[in-house]
């Protein structure tokens, strides 16, 4: 493929609010421009029942906070598309991030997934790129990992 560029029409970019994922948004815009593609921006919130078993009120309150956070991060990502001329759609789902990304890519016929190499938080340093590694290993399409 020397000298030729890959063109993708169906691009998915997975975001979590980290600097790496916002760089992935920028990369997805550039890929879309080259191939006249559309970008599906996906954000996945965790399933709270796995983390909190004691208080229904705490789960409701945390769920509300996670929804607000998801909307804020999605807004940050979509702002990058302004004046780019690139079409995009947004998807917010709940579940295991890697599993949801892989399933959505399969269902939507995604040609390439773009994502950051690491997510947010101290735990992500320990589980270095666990979501990106799982997606890279099991995705039904090409995966671009952005540092």
C-alpha atoms as a PDB file:
ATOM      1  CA  UNK A   1       0.000   0.000   0.000  1.00  0.00           C
ATOM      2  CA  UNK A   2       3.028   2.217  -0.348  1.00  0.00           C
ATOM      3  CA  UNK A   3       2.110   5.632  -1.699  1.00  0.00           C
ATOM      4  CA  UNK A   4      -1.623   5.123  -1.295  1.00  0.00           C
ATOM      5  CA  UNK A   5      -3.868   6.390   1.455  1.00  0.00           C
ATOM      6  CA  UNK A   6      -6.554   4.385   3.160  1.00  0.00           C
ATOM      7  CA  UNK A   7      -9.995   5.910   2.840  1.00  0.00           C
ATOM      8  CA  UNK A   8     -12.775   5.174   5.287  1.00  0.00           C
ATOM      9  CA  UNK A   9     -16.430   6.159   5.060  1.00  0.00           C
ATOM     10  CA  UNK A  10     -17.614   4.673   8.372  1.00  0.00           C
ATOM     11  CA  UNK A  11     -15.385   5.775  11.225  1.00  0.00           C
ATOM     12  CA  UNK A  12     -15.988   5.275  14.927  1.00  0.00           C
ATOM     13  CA  UNK A  13     -14.085   7.287  17.536  1.00  0.00           C
ATOM     14  CA  UNK A  14     -14.243   6.111  21.136  1.00  0.00           C
ATOM     15  CA  UNK A  15     -13.950   8.858  23.733  1.00  0.00           C
ATOM     16  CA  UNK A  16     -13.606   9.007  27.515  1.00  0.00           C
ATOM     17  CA  UNK A  17     -12.555  12.620  28.046  1.00  0.00           C
ATOM     18  CA  UNK A  18      -8.845  11.871  28.290  1.00  0.00           C
ATOM     19  CA  UNK A  19      -6.264  13.824  26.302  1.00  0.00           C
ATOM     20  CA  UNK A  20      -5.558  10.695  24.251  1.00  0.00           C
ATOM     21  CA  UNK A  21      -9.211  10.303  23.304  1.00  0.00           C
ATOM     22  CA  UNK A  22      -9.476  13.956  22.275  1.00  0.00           C
ATOM     23  CA  UNK A  23      -6.433  13.443  20.034  1.00  0.00           C
ATOM     24  CA  UNK A  24      -8.318  10.465  18.587  1.00  0.00           C
ATOM     25  CA  UNK A  25     -11.220  12.823  17.785  1.00  0.00           C
ATOM     26  CA  UNK A  26      -8.822  15.048  15.834  1.00  0.00           C
ATOM     27  CA  UNK A  27      -7.449  12.018  13.974  1.00  0.00           C
ATOM     28  CA  UNK A  28     -10.963  10.792  13.133  1.00  0.00           C
ATOM     29  CA  UNK A  29     -11.807  14.173  11.615  1.00  0.00           C
ATOM     30  CA  UNK A  30      -8.716  14.008   9.400  1.00  0.00           C
ATOM     31  CA  UNK A  31      -9.542  10.440   8.327  1.00  0.00           C
ATOM     32  CA  UNK A  32     -13.115  11.452   7.526  1.00  0.00           C
ATOM     33  CA  UNK A  33     -11.956  14.397   5.432  1.00  0.00           C
ATOM     34  CA  UNK A  34      -9.721  12.128   3.329  1.00  0.00           C
ATOM     35  CA  UNK A  35     -12.449   9.591   2.638  1.00  0.00           C
ATOM     36  CA  UNK A  36     -15.534  11.805   2.725  1.00  0.00           C
ATOM     37  CA  UNK A  37     -16.553   9.750   5.737  1.00  0.00           C
ATOM     38  CA  UNK A  38     -18.940  10.026   8.638  1.00  0.00           C
ATOM     39  CA  UNK A  39     -17.774   9.696  12.237  1.00  0.00           C
ATOM     40  CA  UNK A  40     -19.716   7.955  14.995  1.00  0.00           C
ATOM     41  CA  UNK A  41     -18.526   9.401  18.314  1.00  0.00           C
ATOM     42  CA  UNK A  42     -19.104   6.823  21.059  1.00  0.00           C
ATOM     43  CA  UNK A  43     -18.905   7.233  24.818  1.00  0.00           C
ATOM     44  CA  UNK A  44     -19.550   4.322  27.184  1.00  0.00           C
ATOM     45  CA  UNK A  45     -20.497   4.753  30.834  1.00  0.00           C
ATOM     46  CA  UNK A  46     -19.872   1.897  33.264  1.00  0.00           C
ATOM     47  CA  UNK A  47     -22.611  -0.313  34.686  1.00  0.00           C
ATOM     48  CA  UNK A  48     -22.993   0.955  38.235  1.00  0.00           C
ATOM     49  CA  UNK A  49     -24.435  -2.226  39.727  1.00  0.00           C
ATOM     50  CA  UNK A  50     -21.005  -3.832  39.373  1.00  0.00           C
ATOM     51  CA  UNK A  51     -19.446  -1.200  41.622  1.00  0.00           C
ATOM     52  CA  UNK A  52     -22.139  -0.354  44.152  1.00  0.00           C
ATOM     53  CA  UNK A  53     -24.387  -2.916  45.752  1.00  0.00           C
ATOM     54  CA  UNK A  54     -25.403  -1.123  48.955  1.00  0.00           C
ATOM     55  CA  UNK A  55     -27.470   1.936  48.185  1.00  0.00           C
ATOM     56  CA  UNK A  56     -30.013   2.487  45.447  1.00  0.00           C
ATOM     57  CA  UNK A  57     -29.922   6.227  46.185  1.00  0.00           C
ATOM     58  CA  UNK A  58     -26.172   6.314  45.650  1.00  0.00           C
ATOM     59  CA  UNK A  59     -26.560   4.473  42.350  1.00  0.00           C
ATOM     60  CA  UNK A  60     -29.212   6.938  41.157  1.00  0.00           C
ATOM     61  CA  UNK A  61     -27.096   9.945  42.191  1.00  0.00           C
ATOM     62  CA  UNK A  62     -23.937   8.544  40.626  1.00  0.00           C
ATOM     63  CA  UNK A  63     -25.865   7.568  37.494  1.00  0.00           C
ATOM     64  CA  UNK A  64     -27.039  11.155  37.125  1.00  0.00           C
ATOM     65  CA  UNK A  65     -23.485  12.424  37.577  1.00  0.00           C
ATOM     66  CA  UNK A  66     -22.161   9.945  34.990  1.00  0.00           C
ATOM     67  CA  UNK A  67     -24.847  11.037  32.511  1.00  0.00           C
ATOM     68  CA  UNK A  68     -23.871  14.678  33.003  1.00  0.00           C
ATOM     69  CA  UNK A  69     -20.211  13.766  32.561  1.00  0.00           C
ATOM     70  CA  UNK A  70     -20.982  11.794  29.390  1.00  0.00           C
ATOM     71  CA  UNK A  71     -22.891  14.732  27.923  1.00  0.00           C
ATOM     72  CA  UNK A  72     -20.085  17.151  28.821  1.00  0.00           C
ATOM     73  CA  UNK A  73     -17.397  14.954  27.264  1.00  0.00           C
ATOM     74  CA  UNK A  74     -19.563  14.415  24.172  1.00  0.00           C
ATOM     75  CA  UNK A  75     -20.009  18.181  23.843  1.00  0.00           C
ATOM     76  CA  UNK A  76     -16.233  18.678  24.035  1.00  0.00           C
ATOM     77  CA  UNK A  77     -15.776  16.131  21.250  1.00  0.00           C
ATOM     78  CA  UNK A  78     -18.543  17.483  19.013  1.00  0.00           C
ATOM     79  CA  UNK A  79     -17.168  21.019  19.331  1.00  0.00           C
ATOM     80  CA  UNK A  80     -14.078  19.784  17.490  1.00  0.00           C
ATOM     81  CA  UNK A  81     -16.295  18.994  14.497  1.00  0.00           C
ATOM     82  CA  UNK A  82     -17.568  22.550  14.112  1.00  0.00           C
ATOM     83  CA  UNK A  83     -16.365  24.086  10.870  1.00  0.00           C
ATOM     84  CA  UNK A  84     -14.719  20.773   9.865  1.00  0.00           C
ATOM     85  CA  UNK A  85     -17.309  19.887   7.243  1.00  0.00           C
ATOM     86  CA  UNK A  86     -17.351  16.328   8.603  1.00  0.00           C
ATOM     87  CA  UNK A  87     -20.674  14.611   9.319  1.00  0.00           C
ATOM     88  CA  UNK A  88     -20.956  12.934  12.691  1.00  0.00           C
ATOM     89  CA  UNK A  89     -23.406  11.141  14.920  1.00  0.00           C
ATOM     90  CA  UNK A  90     -23.199  10.584  18.660  1.00  0.00           C
ATOM     91  CA  UNK A  91     -23.743   7.437  20.680  1.00  0.00           C
ATOM     92  CA  UNK A  92     -23.796   7.145  24.457  1.00  0.00           C
ATOM     93  CA  UNK A  93     -24.149   3.621  25.832  1.00  0.00           C
ATOM     94  CA  UNK A  94     -23.764   1.857  29.166  1.00  0.00           C
ATOM     95  CA  UNK A  95     -21.712  -1.284  29.704  1.00  0.00           C
ATOM     96  CA  UNK A  96     -18.210  -2.638  29.458  1.00  0.00           C
ATOM     97  CA  UNK A  97     -16.468  -0.086  27.226  1.00  0.00           C
ATOM     98  CA  UNK A  98     -14.555  -2.536  25.045  1.00  0.00           C
ATOM     99  CA  UNK A  99     -17.510  -4.897  24.595  1.00  0.00           C
ATOM    100  CA  UNK A 100     -19.865  -2.052  23.685  1.00  0.00           C
ATOM    101  CA  UNK A 101     -17.421  -0.501  21.214  1.00  0.00           C
ATOM    102  CA  UNK A 102     -16.836  -3.859  19.505  1.00  0.00           C
ATOM    103  CA  UNK A 103     -20.588  -4.643  19.340  1.00  0.00           C
ATOM    104  CA  UNK A 104     -21.473  -1.184  18.003  1.00  0.00           C
ATOM    105  CA  UNK A 105     -18.739  -1.436  15.356  1.00  0.00           C
ATOM    106  CA  UNK A 106     -20.080  -4.822  14.236  1.00  0.00           C
ATOM    107  CA  UNK A 107     -23.700  -3.646  14.114  1.00  0.00           C
ATOM    108  CA  UNK A 108     -22.906  -0.420  12.260  1.00  0.00           C
ATOM    109  CA  UNK A 109     -20.459  -1.838   9.733  1.00  0.00           C
ATOM    110  CA  UNK A 110     -17.669   0.411  10.979  1.00  0.00           C
ATOM    111  CA  UNK A 111     -14.552   0.325   8.810  1.00  0.00           C
ATOM    112  CA  UNK A 112     -12.132   1.745  11.376  1.00  0.00           C
ATOM    113  CA  UNK A 113     -12.174   2.508  15.098  1.00  0.00           C
ATOM    114  CA  UNK A 114     -10.004   5.371  16.341  1.00  0.00           C
ATOM    115  CA  UNK A 115      -9.215   5.571  20.043  1.00  0.00           C
ATOM    116  CA  UNK A 116      -6.679   6.776  22.553  1.00  0.00           C
ATOM    117  CA  UNK A 117      -4.004   4.502  23.919  1.00  0.00           C
ATOM    118  CA  UNK A 118      -4.946   5.221  27.521  1.00  0.00           C
ATOM    119  CA  UNK A 119      -8.005   6.387  29.370  1.00  0.00           C
ATOM    120  CA  UNK A 120      -8.470   8.486  32.451  1.00  0.00           C
ATOM    121  CA  UNK A 121      -7.306   7.874  35.986  1.00  0.00           C
ATOM    122  CA  UNK A 122      -4.536   6.242  37.964  1.00  0.00           C
ATOM    123  CA  UNK A 123      -6.000   2.789  37.390  1.00  0.00           C
ATOM    124  CA  UNK A 124      -5.538   3.252  33.638  1.00  0.00           C
ATOM    125  CA  UNK A 125      -1.798   3.485  34.219  1.00  0.00           C
ATOM    126  CA  UNK A 126      -1.895   0.098  35.922  1.00  0.00           C
ATOM    127  CA  UNK A 127      -4.166  -1.514  33.351  1.00  0.00           C
ATOM    128  CA  UNK A 128      -2.267   0.156  30.520  1.00  0.00           C
ATOM    129  CA  UNK A 129      -4.695   0.535  27.681  1.00  0.00           C
ATOM    130  CA  UNK A 130      -6.864  -2.428  28.673  1.00  0.00           C
ATOM    131  CA  UNK A 131      -9.879  -1.124  26.710  1.00  0.00           C
ATOM    132  CA  UNK A 132      -7.808  -0.281  23.643  1.00  0.00           C
ATOM    133  CA  UNK A 133      -6.012  -3.634  23.838  1.00  0.00           C
ATOM    134  CA  UNK A 134      -9.289  -5.566  23.984  1.00  0.00           C
ATOM    135  CA  UNK A 135     -10.774  -3.541  21.120  1.00  0.00           C
ATOM    136  CA  UNK A 136      -7.613  -3.971  19.049  1.00  0.00           C
ATOM    137  CA  UNK A 137      -7.700  -7.729  19.631  1.00  0.00           C
ATOM    138  CA  UNK A 138     -11.408  -8.343  19.008  1.00  0.00           C
ATOM    139  CA  UNK A 139     -12.697  -5.575  16.703  1.00  0.00           C
ATOM    140  CA  UNK A 140     -14.259  -6.581  13.383  1.00  0.00           C
ATOM    141  CA  UNK A 141     -12.320  -3.834  11.604  1.00  0.00           C
ATOM    142  CA  UNK A 142      -9.074  -1.856  11.605  1.00  0.00           C
ATOM    143  CA  UNK A 143      -8.208   0.003  14.808  1.00  0.00           C
ATOM    144  CA  UNK A 144      -6.027   3.126  15.024  1.00  0.00           C
ATOM    145  CA  UNK A 145      -4.567   3.723  18.476  1.00  0.00           C
ATOM    146  CA  UNK A 146      -3.569   7.348  19.103  1.00  0.00           C
ATOM    147  CA  UNK A 147      -0.919   8.385  21.640  1.00  0.00           C
END
